[in-house]
Amino acid sequence: MEKSRKYSPVIFSSEIAQYCFCKAAWWQGRMGNKVETEGMRAGTEFHKEYGSRVGISRILRVVRALLVGTLVLVVIGAVMRLWSG
């Protein structure tokens, strides 16, 4: 185990899940010892992949909004051209 940070009286929300998963690992972490299990490594990897998908999803939403906006402008332009003669 390696020292990761100094003890703090503040409990972070991420520590609650660690405490529920393994009280001993939580306490070691609170004492500044880095504890890593296979499950924690798998969870970290899952969240990294999920974060990438969320980022891509946000980009795709922006692209979709731009495409829909462009389509609306093209349709409005076509309708105006038809009505003006």
C-alpha atoms as a PDB file:
ATOM      1  CA  MET A   1       0.000   0.000   0.000  1.00  0.00           C
ATOM      2  CA  GLU A   2       1.223   3.480  -0.794  1.00  0.00           C
ATOM      3  CA  LYS A   3       0.326   6.754   0.843  1.00  0.00           C
ATOM      4  CA  SER A   4      -2.168   8.674  -1.301  1.00  0.00           C
ATOM      5  CA  ARG A   5      -3.249  11.613   0.900  1.00  0.00           C
ATOM      6  CA  LYS A   6      -3.317  12.823   4.466  1.00  0.00           C
ATOM      7  CA  TYR A   7      -6.177  12.022   6.810  1.00  0.00           C
ATOM      8  CA  SER A   8      -9.038  14.495   6.562  1.00  0.00           C
ATOM      9  CA  PRO A   9     -12.082  14.771   8.837  1.00  0.00           C
ATOM     10  CA  VAL A  10     -14.206  15.489   5.738  1.00  0.00           C
ATOM     11  CA  ILE A  11     -15.971  12.474   4.223  1.00  0.00           C
ATOM     12  CA  PHE A  12     -16.395  12.640   0.449  1.00  0.00           C
ATOM     13  CA  SER A  13     -19.373  11.156  -1.381  1.00  0.00           C
ATOM     14  CA  SER A  14     -17.112   8.732  -3.247  1.00  0.00           C
ATOM     15  CA  GLU A  15     -16.028   7.297   0.105  1.00  0.00           C
ATOM     16  CA  ILE A  16     -19.571   6.183   0.934  1.00  0.00           C
ATOM     17  CA  ALA A  17     -19.555   3.600  -1.861  1.00  0.00           C
ATOM     18  CA  GLN A  18     -16.119   2.423  -0.795  1.00  0.00           C
ATOM     19  CA  TYR A  19     -17.316   2.084   2.802  1.00  0.00           C
ATOM     20  CA  CYS A  20     -20.351   0.054   1.699  1.00  0.00           C
ATOM     21  CA  PHE A  21     -18.150  -2.160  -0.463  1.00  0.00           C
ATOM     22  CA  CYS A  22     -15.424  -2.773   2.139  1.00  0.00           C
ATOM     23  CA  LYS A  23     -15.156  -1.010   5.491  1.00  0.00           C
ATOM     24  CA  ALA A  24     -11.518  -2.057   5.944  1.00  0.00           C
ATOM     25  CA  ALA A  25     -10.536  -0.653   2.538  1.00  0.00           C
ATOM     26  CA  TRP A  26     -12.362   2.575   3.361  1.00  0.00           C
ATOM     27  CA  TRP A  27     -10.538   2.919   6.680  1.00  0.00           C
ATOM     28  CA  GLN A  28      -7.155   2.216   5.087  1.00  0.00           C
ATOM     29  CA  GLY A  29      -7.914   4.878   2.503  1.00  0.00           C
ATOM     30  CA  ARG A  30      -8.871   7.331   5.254  1.00  0.00           C
ATOM     31  CA  MET A  31      -5.541   6.647   6.904  1.00  0.00           C
ATOM     32  CA  GLY A  32      -3.744   7.525   3.667  1.00  0.00           C
ATOM     33  CA  ASN A  33      -3.043   4.003   2.417  1.00  0.00           C
ATOM     34  CA  LYS A  34      -4.057   3.327  -1.157  1.00  0.00           C
ATOM     35  CA  VAL A  35      -6.134   0.152  -1.283  1.00  0.00           C
ATOM     36  CA  GLU A  36      -7.103  -1.255  -4.651  1.00  0.00           C
ATOM     37  CA  THR A  37      -9.024  -4.464  -5.278  1.00  0.00           C
ATOM     38  CA  GLU A  38      -9.850  -6.144  -8.573  1.00  0.00           C
ATOM     39  CA  GLY A  39     -13.426  -4.913  -8.214  1.00  0.00           C
ATOM     40  CA  MET A  40     -12.265  -1.347  -7.702  1.00  0.00           C
ATOM     41  CA  ARG A  41      -9.987  -1.546 -10.747  1.00  0.00           C
ATOM     42  CA  ALA A  42     -12.840  -2.946 -12.835  1.00  0.00           C
ATOM     43  CA  GLY A  43     -15.150  -0.193 -11.577  1.00  0.00           C
ATOM     44  CA  THR A  44     -12.597   2.483 -12.404  1.00  0.00           C
ATOM     45  CA  GLU A  45     -12.173   1.080 -15.922  1.00  0.00           C
ATOM     46  CA  PHE A  46     -15.957   0.910 -16.390  1.00  0.00           C
ATOM     47  CA  HIS A  47     -16.348   4.549 -15.349  1.00  0.00           C
ATOM     48  CA  LYS A  48     -13.579   5.681 -17.700  1.00  0.00           C
ATOM     49  CA  GLU A  49     -15.288   3.932 -20.621  1.00  0.00           C
ATOM     50  CA  TYR A  50     -18.684   5.253 -19.571  1.00  0.00           C
ATOM     51  CA  GLY A  51     -17.283   8.772 -19.320  1.00  0.00           C
ATOM     52  CA  SER A  52     -15.996   8.494 -22.877  1.00  0.00           C
ATOM     53  CA  ARG A  53     -19.433   7.406 -24.100  1.00  0.00           C
ATOM     54  CA  VAL A  54     -21.097  10.299 -22.266  1.00  0.00           C
ATOM     55  CA  GLY A  55     -18.665  12.746 -23.869  1.00  0.00           C
ATOM     56  CA  ILE A  56     -19.360  11.346 -27.330  1.00  0.00           C
ATOM     57  CA  SER A  57     -23.097  11.476 -26.633  1.00  0.00           C
ATOM     58  CA  ARG A  58     -22.857  15.183 -25.785  1.00  0.00           C
ATOM     59  CA  ILE A  59     -20.975  15.897 -28.994  1.00  0.00           C
ATOM     60  CA  LEU A  60     -23.551  13.971 -31.017  1.00  0.00           C
ATOM     61  CA  ARG A  61     -26.382  15.955 -29.397  1.00  0.00           C
ATOM     62  CA  VAL A  62     -24.729  19.227 -30.442  1.00  0.00           C
ATOM     63  CA  VAL A  63     -24.188  17.938 -33.989  1.00  0.00           C
ATOM     64  CA  ARG A  64     -27.816  16.777 -34.136  1.00  0.00           C
ATOM     65  CA  ALA A  65     -29.057  20.182 -32.972  1.00  0.00           C
ATOM     66  CA  LEU A  66     -26.923  21.932 -35.613  1.00  0.00           C
ATOM     67  CA  LEU A  67     -28.194  19.612 -38.351  1.00  0.00           C
ATOM     68  CA  VAL A  68     -31.837  20.061 -37.333  1.00  0.00           C
ATOM     69  CA  GLY A  69     -31.348  23.836 -37.201  1.00  0.00           C
ATOM     70  CA  THR A  70     -29.782  23.811 -40.659  1.00  0.00           C
ATOM     71  CA  LEU A  71     -32.631  21.668 -42.007  1.00  0.00           C
ATOM     72  CA  VAL A  72     -35.216  24.056 -40.563  1.00  0.00           C
ATOM     73  CA  LEU A  73     -33.477  27.016 -42.187  1.00  0.00           C
ATOM     74  CA  VAL A  74     -33.336  25.210 -45.559  1.00  0.00           C
ATOM     75  CA  VAL A  75     -37.044  24.336 -45.373  1.00  0.00           C
ATOM     76  CA  ILE A  76     -37.954  27.920 -44.420  1.00  0.00           C
ATOM     77  CA  GLY A  77     -35.845  29.228 -47.319  1.00  0.00           C
ATOM     78  CA  ALA A  78     -37.475  26.796 -49.757  1.00  0.00           C
ATOM     79  CA  VAL A  79     -40.975  27.717 -48.595  1.00  0.00           C
ATOM     80  CA  MET A  80     -40.227  31.439 -48.850  1.00  0.00           C
ATOM     81  CA  ARG A  81     -38.828  30.973 -52.350  1.00  0.00           C
ATOM     82  CA  LEU A  82     -41.951  29.045 -53.454  1.00  0.00           C
ATOM     83  CA  TRP A  83     -44.328  31.669 -52.057  1.00  0.00           C
ATOM     84  CA  SER A  84     -42.432  34.625 -53.484  1.00  0.00           C
ATOM     85  CA  GLY A  85     -42.771  33.335 -56.976  1.00  0.00           C
END
